[in-house]
Each structure stands twice: as structure tokens, then as C-alpha cells.
Amino acid sequence: MKTKELTKAEEQVMEYLWKLERAFVRDILELFPEPKPAYTTVSTIVRILEQKGMVSHTAYGKNHQYYPVVSRRDYARLGFKHVLSKHFNSSVKRFASFFAADSNLSLTELEEMKAMLEEEISKRKEEGGDGNS
């Protein structure tokens, strides 16, 4: 899956679509806080998202009901891969070292992360694979 980076406005519309699952432009517009953007603005953003491969639609005459074709999780994964590539030379080890050393994580938070990693390692050992599918 190859999607382009999204603008803040595009991400906001995607958040609403992920929440709604299927929506007409007016449904998306209803979720915006005041002052709401113009209907045409939201419509344009949705069409751009469709061009970027994030959204598709079902036509009901002249009305289009839109739905996400990229999950929130997949989008987050793509964003992480972009950050990893751009800032850490695609090295998870460099990222983890930077994150652990340069963040404001407490000892408790670091221990929780360690426990989650150990749990994932155990699970993958039981499955007999490295999880790189």
C-alpha cells in the first residue's frame, strides 16, 4: 500500500471517516467543531483523499457515500515507517535507543514497554516465526 503524506485537514477528515466508517460529506461536516468549514471544502478534501488512495465511495445517483480503504492502524504504520526512514536511517534499533535515552519516560513507563516487548517476543517464539510478514 502506497499512500502520500496527508495534510492536517486531510487527517482530520480521515479521523471522522474512521469513526463513522461510511459517510456522506454532510455526515463528516457534522462532526467538525464550530466554526465548521464550508461543505465544498470538506467535499474537496474527500476527493483528494480518494485520489491519494485513502478513501473510496459508493454512488447513489449524484450522492457519494465515502469510506476509508486504509485503516487507522495501517496509516499509523506508514507514518512510523516514514519517520524511521527519514530520521533514523530505517533502523528500529536507532529509534529505540533515541526514544529510550532522549524521552521523558519514567522508569515505570520504560518497564511497561519492556514487559510489552517481552510478551511479544514470547508470543512470536510460540508461533515459531519472527513476525515479519
N, C-alpha and C. Protein backbone atom coordinates (compact mmCIF):
# COMPACT_ATOMS: atom_id res chain seq x y z
N MET A 1 0.85 -1.17 0.00
CA MET A 1 0.00 0.00 0.00
C MET A 1 0.89 1.23 0.00
N LYS A 2 0.66 2.12 -0.92
CA LYS A 2 1.47 3.34 -1.02
C LYS A 2 0.53 4.53 -0.99
N THR A 3 0.58 5.29 0.09
CA THR A 3 -0.23 6.50 0.18
C THR A 3 0.70 7.67 0.42
N LYS A 4 0.24 8.82 0.03
CA LYS A 4 1.02 10.03 0.24
C LYS A 4 0.77 10.57 1.63
N GLU A 5 1.69 11.41 2.08
CA GLU A 5 1.52 12.06 3.37
C GLU A 5 0.28 12.95 3.32
N LEU A 6 -0.44 12.99 4.42
CA LEU A 6 -1.67 13.76 4.48
C LEU A 6 -1.45 15.08 5.19
N THR A 7 -2.22 16.09 4.77
CA THR A 7 -2.21 17.38 5.45
C THR A 7 -3.00 17.23 6.75
N LYS A 8 -2.91 18.22 7.60
CA LYS A 8 -3.66 18.20 8.86
C LYS A 8 -5.17 18.11 8.59
N ALA A 9 -5.65 18.86 7.62
CA ALA A 9 -7.09 18.84 7.29
C ALA A 9 -7.50 17.46 6.75
N GLU A 10 -6.65 16.86 5.93
CA GLU A 10 -6.95 15.53 5.40
C GLU A 10 -6.97 14.49 6.52
N GLU A 11 -6.03 14.60 7.46
CA GLU A 11 -6.01 13.68 8.59
C GLU A 11 -7.28 13.84 9.43
N GLN A 12 -7.74 15.08 9.60
CA GLN A 12 -8.96 15.31 10.38
C GLN A 12 -10.15 14.63 9.72
N VAL A 13 -10.28 14.78 8.41
CA VAL A 13 -11.39 14.13 7.69
C VAL A 13 -11.26 12.61 7.80
N MET A 14 -10.04 12.09 7.70
CA MET A 14 -9.84 10.64 7.84
C MET A 14 -10.26 10.17 9.24
N GLU A 15 -9.92 10.93 10.27
CA GLU A 15 -10.33 10.56 11.63
C GLU A 15 -11.84 10.43 11.71
N TYR A 16 -12.55 11.38 11.10
CA TYR A 16 -14.01 11.33 11.12
C TYR A 16 -14.53 10.14 10.31
N LEU A 17 -13.90 9.85 9.18
CA LEU A 17 -14.33 8.70 8.37
C LEU A 17 -14.05 7.38 9.09
N TRP A 18 -12.91 7.28 9.76
CA TRP A 18 -12.64 6.06 10.52
C TRP A 18 -13.69 5.88 11.62
N LYS A 19 -14.10 6.98 12.23
CA LYS A 19 -15.11 6.93 13.28
C LYS A 19 -16.48 6.53 12.71
N LEU A 20 -16.85 7.14 11.60
CA LEU A 20 -18.17 6.90 11.00
C LEU A 20 -18.24 5.61 10.18
N GLU A 21 -17.12 5.17 9.64
CA GLU A 21 -16.97 4.00 8.77
C GLU A 21 -17.51 4.23 7.35
N ARG A 22 -18.68 4.79 7.22
CA ARG A 22 -19.26 5.16 5.92
C ARG A 22 -19.99 6.47 6.13
N ALA A 23 -19.78 7.43 5.20
CA ALA A 23 -20.41 8.73 5.43
C ALA A 23 -20.54 9.53 4.15
N PHE A 24 -21.59 10.34 4.12
CA PHE A 24 -21.74 11.36 3.09
C PHE A 24 -20.99 12.59 3.60
N VAL A 25 -20.68 13.52 2.71
CA VAL A 25 -19.94 14.72 3.11
C VAL A 25 -20.66 15.43 4.25
N ARG A 26 -21.98 15.53 4.20
CA ARG A 26 -22.72 16.23 5.25
C ARG A 26 -22.53 15.56 6.61
N ASP A 27 -22.38 14.21 6.62
CA ASP A 27 -22.15 13.49 7.88
C ASP A 27 -20.78 13.85 8.47
N ILE A 28 -19.80 13.95 7.61
CA ILE A 28 -18.45 14.33 8.05
C ILE A 28 -18.47 15.76 8.58
N LEU A 29 -19.13 16.63 7.84
CA LEU A 29 -19.21 18.04 8.21
C LEU A 29 -19.83 18.22 9.60
N GLU A 30 -20.81 17.39 9.93
CA GLU A 30 -21.47 17.49 11.23
C GLU A 30 -20.51 17.28 12.40
N LEU A 31 -19.46 16.50 12.20
CA LEU A 31 -18.53 16.19 13.28
C LEU A 31 -17.52 17.31 13.54
N PHE A 32 -17.37 18.21 12.60
CA PHE A 32 -16.43 19.32 12.78
C PHE A 32 -16.94 20.26 13.86
N PRO A 33 -16.04 20.78 14.69
CA PRO A 33 -16.45 21.78 15.68
C PRO A 33 -16.72 23.11 14.98
N GLU A 34 -17.40 23.99 15.68
CA GLU A 34 -17.63 25.35 15.15
C GLU A 34 -16.34 26.14 15.23
N PRO A 35 -16.05 27.00 14.33
CA PRO A 35 -16.77 27.25 13.07
C PRO A 35 -16.48 26.13 12.06
N LYS A 36 -17.51 25.56 11.53
CA LYS A 36 -17.38 24.46 10.57
C LYS A 36 -16.83 24.96 9.25
N PRO A 37 -16.04 24.13 8.58
CA PRO A 37 -15.58 24.51 7.24
C PRO A 37 -16.76 24.47 6.26
N ALA A 38 -16.57 25.04 5.10
CA ALA A 38 -17.62 25.01 4.08
C ALA A 38 -17.80 23.58 3.56
N TYR A 39 -19.02 23.27 3.17
CA TYR A 39 -19.34 21.97 2.59
C TYR A 39 -18.39 21.66 1.44
N THR A 40 -18.16 22.65 0.57
CA THR A 40 -17.30 22.44 -0.60
C THR A 40 -15.86 22.13 -0.19
N THR A 41 -15.42 22.70 0.92
CA THR A 41 -14.07 22.43 1.41
C THR A 41 -13.93 20.96 1.80
N VAL A 42 -14.90 20.46 2.57
CA VAL A 42 -14.86 19.06 3.00
C VAL A 42 -14.98 18.14 1.79
N SER A 43 -15.85 18.49 0.86
CA SER A 43 -16.03 17.71 -0.35
C SER A 43 -14.72 17.62 -1.14
N THR A 44 -14.02 18.74 -1.25
CA THR A 44 -12.74 18.76 -1.96
C THR A 44 -11.71 17.88 -1.25
N ILE A 45 -11.65 17.97 0.07
CA ILE A 45 -10.70 17.17 0.83
C ILE A 45 -10.97 15.68 0.64
N VAL A 46 -12.24 15.29 0.67
CA VAL A 46 -12.60 13.89 0.49
C VAL A 46 -12.16 13.40 -0.89
N ARG A 47 -12.37 14.24 -1.90
CA ARG A 47 -11.96 13.84 -3.26
C ARG A 47 -10.44 13.72 -3.37
N ILE A 48 -9.71 14.58 -2.68
CA ILE A 48 -8.25 14.49 -2.66
C ILE A 48 -7.82 13.19 -1.97
N LEU A 49 -8.50 12.86 -0.87
CA LEU A 49 -8.20 11.61 -0.17
C LEU A 49 -8.46 10.40 -1.07
N GLU A 50 -9.48 10.51 -1.89
CA GLU A 50 -9.77 9.43 -2.83
C GLU A 50 -8.65 9.31 -3.86
N GLN A 51 -8.16 10.44 -4.36
CA GLN A 51 -7.04 10.43 -5.31
C GLN A 51 -5.78 9.85 -4.68
N LYS A 52 -5.62 10.06 -3.39
CA LYS A 52 -4.44 9.55 -2.68
C LYS A 52 -4.58 8.08 -2.28
N GLY A 53 -5.71 7.48 -2.58
CA GLY A 53 -5.91 6.07 -2.29
C GLY A 53 -6.31 5.77 -0.86
N MET A 54 -6.77 6.76 -0.14
CA MET A 54 -7.16 6.58 1.26
C MET A 54 -8.65 6.28 1.41
N VAL A 55 -9.44 6.73 0.43
CA VAL A 55 -10.90 6.70 0.51
C VAL A 55 -11.46 6.21 -0.81
N SER A 56 -12.60 5.56 -0.75
CA SER A 56 -13.36 5.23 -1.95
C SER A 56 -14.81 5.60 -1.69
N HIS A 57 -15.67 5.36 -2.67
CA HIS A 57 -17.07 5.74 -2.47
C HIS A 57 -18.02 4.78 -3.17
N THR A 58 -19.25 4.84 -2.72
CA THR A 58 -20.38 4.18 -3.38
C THR A 58 -21.29 5.30 -3.86
N ALA A 59 -21.66 5.26 -5.14
CA ALA A 59 -22.52 6.30 -5.69
C ALA A 59 -23.98 5.91 -5.55
N TYR A 60 -24.76 6.88 -5.10
CA TYR A 60 -26.22 6.77 -5.03
C TYR A 60 -26.76 7.94 -5.84
N GLY A 61 -26.85 7.75 -7.14
CA GLY A 61 -27.20 8.86 -8.02
C GLY A 61 -26.08 9.87 -7.99
N LYS A 62 -26.41 11.11 -7.66
CA LYS A 62 -25.39 12.17 -7.59
C LYS A 62 -24.72 12.23 -6.23
N ASN A 63 -25.23 11.49 -5.25
CA ASN A 63 -24.64 11.48 -3.91
C ASN A 63 -23.62 10.36 -3.78
N HIS A 64 -22.53 10.66 -3.09
CA HIS A 64 -21.49 9.67 -2.86
C HIS A 64 -21.33 9.42 -1.37
N GLN A 65 -21.34 8.14 -1.03
CA GLN A 65 -21.05 7.76 0.36
C GLN A 65 -19.61 7.26 0.39
N TYR A 66 -18.80 7.89 1.23
CA TYR A 66 -17.37 7.61 1.27
C TYR A 66 -17.04 6.67 2.42
N TYR A 67 -15.96 5.91 2.23
CA TYR A 67 -15.48 5.01 3.27
C TYR A 67 -13.96 4.88 3.15
N PRO A 68 -13.29 4.70 4.28
CA PRO A 68 -11.83 4.56 4.24
C PRO A 68 -11.42 3.21 3.64
N VAL A 69 -10.37 3.20 2.86
CA VAL A 69 -9.82 1.95 2.34
C VAL A 69 -8.48 1.63 3.01
N VAL A 70 -7.99 2.57 3.80
CA VAL A 70 -6.78 2.38 4.60
C VAL A 70 -7.20 2.48 6.06
N SER A 71 -6.85 1.49 6.85
CA SER A 71 -7.21 1.52 8.27
C SER A 71 -6.35 2.54 9.02
N ARG A 72 -6.84 2.94 10.16
CA ARG A 72 -6.09 3.86 11.02
C ARG A 72 -4.74 3.23 11.38
N ARG A 73 -4.76 1.95 11.69
CA ARG A 73 -3.52 1.25 12.06
C ARG A 73 -2.51 1.23 10.91
N ASP A 74 -2.98 0.93 9.70
CA ASP A 74 -2.08 0.92 8.54
C ASP A 74 -1.52 2.30 8.26
N TYR A 75 -2.34 3.32 8.43
CA TYR A 75 -1.87 4.69 8.22
C TYR A 75 -0.80 5.04 9.26
N ALA A 76 -1.04 4.65 10.51
CA ALA A 76 -0.05 4.90 11.57
C ALA A 76 1.25 4.16 11.26
N ARG A 77 1.13 2.94 10.78
CA ARG A 77 2.31 2.15 10.43
C ARG A 77 3.11 2.83 9.32
N LEU A 78 2.41 3.36 8.32
CA LEU A 78 3.09 4.06 7.23
C LEU A 78 3.78 5.32 7.76
N GLY A 79 3.12 6.04 8.66
CA GLY A 79 3.72 7.23 9.24
C GLY A 79 4.97 6.90 10.03
N PHE A 80 4.90 5.81 10.79
CA PHE A 80 6.07 5.38 11.56
C PHE A 80 7.22 5.01 10.64
N LYS A 81 6.92 4.27 9.57
CA LYS A 81 7.97 3.89 8.63
C LYS A 81 8.61 5.12 8.00
N HIS A 82 7.80 6.14 7.73
CA HIS A 82 8.32 7.39 7.16
C HIS A 82 9.28 8.06 8.14
N VAL A 83 8.88 8.18 9.40
CA VAL A 83 9.73 8.78 10.43
C VAL A 83 11.00 7.96 10.61
N LEU A 84 10.86 6.67 10.65
CA LEU A 84 12.00 5.77 10.81
C LEU A 84 13.00 5.95 9.67
N SER A 85 12.49 6.02 8.46
CA SER A 85 13.35 6.19 7.29
C SER A 85 14.01 7.56 7.27
N LYS A 86 13.20 8.59 7.51
CA LYS A 86 13.69 9.97 7.39
C LYS A 86 14.66 10.35 8.50
N HIS A 87 14.42 9.91 9.74
CA HIS A 87 15.19 10.38 10.88
C HIS A 87 16.13 9.35 11.49
N PHE A 88 15.93 8.06 11.19
CA PHE A 88 16.73 7.04 11.86
C PHE A 88 17.34 6.04 10.87
N ASN A 89 17.47 6.44 9.61
CA ASN A 89 18.09 5.60 8.59
C ASN A 89 17.46 4.20 8.56
N SER A 90 16.15 4.15 8.75
CA SER A 90 15.35 2.91 8.74
C SER A 90 15.78 1.90 9.81
N SER A 91 16.43 2.37 10.86
CA SER A 91 16.91 1.48 11.92
C SER A 91 16.00 1.56 13.15
N VAL A 92 15.31 0.46 13.44
CA VAL A 92 14.47 0.39 14.63
C VAL A 92 15.35 0.49 15.87
N LYS A 93 16.53 -0.10 15.80
CA LYS A 93 17.46 -0.05 16.94
C LYS A 93 17.84 1.40 17.26
N ARG A 94 18.14 2.20 16.25
CA ARG A 94 18.48 3.61 16.47
C ARG A 94 17.28 4.37 17.05
N PHE A 95 16.09 4.07 16.52
CA PHE A 95 14.89 4.71 17.04
C PHE A 95 14.69 4.37 18.51
N ALA A 96 14.78 3.09 18.85
CA ALA A 96 14.56 2.66 20.23
C ALA A 96 15.58 3.31 21.17
N SER A 97 16.83 3.37 20.74
CA SER A 97 17.88 3.98 21.55
C SER A 97 17.59 5.46 21.77
N PHE A 98 17.22 6.15 20.70
CA PHE A 98 16.88 7.57 20.80
C PHE A 98 15.69 7.78 21.71
N PHE A 99 14.66 6.98 21.48
CA PHE A 99 13.41 7.12 22.23
C PHE A 99 13.64 6.89 23.73
N ALA A 100 14.38 5.83 24.06
CA ALA A 100 14.61 5.49 25.46
C ALA A 100 15.50 6.52 26.15
N ALA A 101 16.54 6.99 25.46
CA ALA A 101 17.50 7.90 26.08
C ALA A 101 17.04 9.35 26.10
N ASP A 102 16.33 9.78 25.03
CA ASP A 102 16.01 11.19 24.89
C ASP A 102 14.57 11.56 25.23
N SER A 103 13.78 10.61 25.68
CA SER A 103 12.40 10.95 26.02
C SER A 103 12.29 11.19 27.52
N ASN A 104 11.17 11.66 27.93
CA ASN A 104 10.92 11.91 29.35
C ASN A 104 10.15 10.76 29.99
N LEU A 105 10.46 9.54 29.56
CA LEU A 105 9.76 8.38 30.09
C LEU A 105 10.23 8.10 31.52
N SER A 106 9.28 7.75 32.35
CA SER A 106 9.62 7.37 33.72
C SER A 106 10.14 5.94 33.71
N LEU A 107 10.73 5.54 34.82
CA LEU A 107 11.21 4.16 34.95
C LEU A 107 10.03 3.20 34.82
N THR A 108 8.89 3.54 35.38
CA THR A 108 7.70 2.70 35.28
C THR A 108 7.27 2.53 33.81
N GLU A 109 7.27 3.63 33.05
CA GLU A 109 6.89 3.55 31.63
C GLU A 109 7.88 2.69 30.85
N LEU A 110 9.17 2.84 31.13
CA LEU A 110 10.18 2.01 30.46
C LEU A 110 9.98 0.54 30.81
N GLU A 111 9.67 0.25 32.07
CA GLU A 111 9.43 -1.14 32.48
C GLU A 111 8.18 -1.70 31.81
N GLU A 112 7.14 -0.88 31.65
CA GLU A 112 5.93 -1.32 30.95
C GLU A 112 6.23 -1.63 29.50
N MET A 113 7.04 -0.79 28.85
CA MET A 113 7.42 -1.05 27.46
C MET A 113 8.23 -2.34 27.36
N LYS A 114 9.15 -2.54 28.30
CA LYS A 114 9.96 -3.76 28.32
C LYS A 114 9.06 -4.99 28.45
N ALA A 115 8.07 -4.92 29.34
CA ALA A 115 7.15 -6.04 29.54
C ALA A 115 6.35 -6.33 28.26
N MET A 116 5.90 -5.28 27.59
CA MET A 116 5.16 -5.48 26.33
C MET A 116 6.05 -6.14 25.28
N LEU A 117 7.30 -5.69 25.19
CA LEU A 117 8.23 -6.28 24.22
C LEU A 117 8.50 -7.74 24.57
N GLU A 118 8.71 -8.04 25.84
CA GLU A 118 8.96 -9.42 26.24
C GLU A 118 7.76 -10.31 25.94
N GLU A 119 6.57 -9.78 26.15
CA GLU A 119 5.35 -10.54 25.83
C GLU A 119 5.27 -10.83 24.33
N GLU A 120 5.57 -9.83 23.51
CA GLU A 120 5.54 -10.02 22.05
C GLU A 120 6.61 -11.02 21.61
N ILE A 121 7.79 -10.96 22.22
CA ILE A 121 8.86 -11.91 21.89
C ILE A 121 8.41 -13.33 22.21
N SER A 122 7.83 -13.53 23.38
CA SER A 122 7.35 -14.85 23.78
C SER A 122 6.28 -15.36 22.82
N LYS A 123 5.35 -14.49 22.45
CA LYS A 123 4.27 -14.87 21.55
C LYS A 123 4.83 -15.31 20.19
N ARG A 124 5.79 -14.56 19.69
CA ARG A 124 6.37 -14.91 18.38
C ARG A 124 7.18 -16.19 18.45
N LYS A 125 7.85 -16.43 19.57
CA LYS A 125 8.60 -17.69 19.73
C LYS A 125 7.63 -18.87 19.72
N GLU A 126 6.50 -18.72 20.40
CA GLU A 126 5.49 -19.78 20.43
C GLU A 126 4.92 -20.05 19.05
N GLU A 127 4.77 -18.97 18.25
CA GLU A 127 4.22 -19.11 16.89
C GLU A 127 5.26 -19.66 15.93
N GLY A 128 6.52 -19.62 16.34
CA GLY A 128 7.58 -20.17 15.51
C GLY A 128 8.00 -19.28 14.37
N GLY A 129 7.82 -17.98 14.51
CA GLY A 129 8.22 -17.05 13.46
C GLY A 129 8.73 -15.77 14.04
N ASP A 130 9.26 -14.91 13.14
CA ASP A 130 9.79 -13.63 13.60
C ASP A 130 8.80 -12.50 13.43
N GLY A 131 7.63 -12.78 12.85
CA GLY A 131 6.60 -11.77 12.71
C GLY A 131 6.80 -10.80 11.58
N ASN A 132 7.74 -11.06 10.69
CA ASN A 132 7.99 -10.15 9.56
C ASN A 132 7.23 -10.62 8.34
N SER A 133 5.92 -10.47 8.36
CA SER A 133 5.13 -10.87 7.21
C SER A 133 4.63 -9.70 6.44
